[in-house]
Amino acid sequence: MRETLHRTCARVLPVNASGQVLLLHGWDPKAPKSPYWFTVGGGLEEGETLTAAAVREMLEETGQRITEAELSAPLGTEDVAFDWGDWHLVQRQTYYAVRLDDAGGVHLGGLEPLETGTIDTWGWWTPDALDADGSAAGASLTDMMRAAIVAVLGGDT
């Protein structure tokens, strides 16, 4: 039986000029043969705001420095529950978009110890390509990607 952990999370969808979204690739440490693509982000630290957490997570998980002012308005908030490691996570997560055209310095060097063995790469994805691949972490991910592209680039996806 996994311990239930409730948390509030900020998630970031970096969008480039081509309408692709930067995602991370990883897996539940108890199910390494079932990898998936997911957004940058994670739980708030004590006293932290959603936007401050988004900025911190972006730096930790990609090495990219952004500011709170560069984040879009919230794209949406959802409640999700899933298993990861020893926990059953119950999360309220809020999504933000940010423009990121230069990914030359993206790296995974700032990952927390629990993440280093379960995140192996990053990549640029369009929502349609991720839908076709079938490896999104959750059912709403590609909808959030589309919303992020519109927030950053304008127009329709």
Foldseek 3Di string as FASTA:
>chain_A
DFAEDEFEKEFEWAAEPVLWTKWWKFDAPVCRVQIFTETQMDGDDPPDDNLRRHQVSCCLAWVDGDHSVQKFDWLDWDWDWDDHYRYTYTYIYTYIYGYDHDSVRTDNVNYDPVCPVTIDDMDIHQLVVRVVVVRHPDPCVNVSSQSNSCRVPNDGD
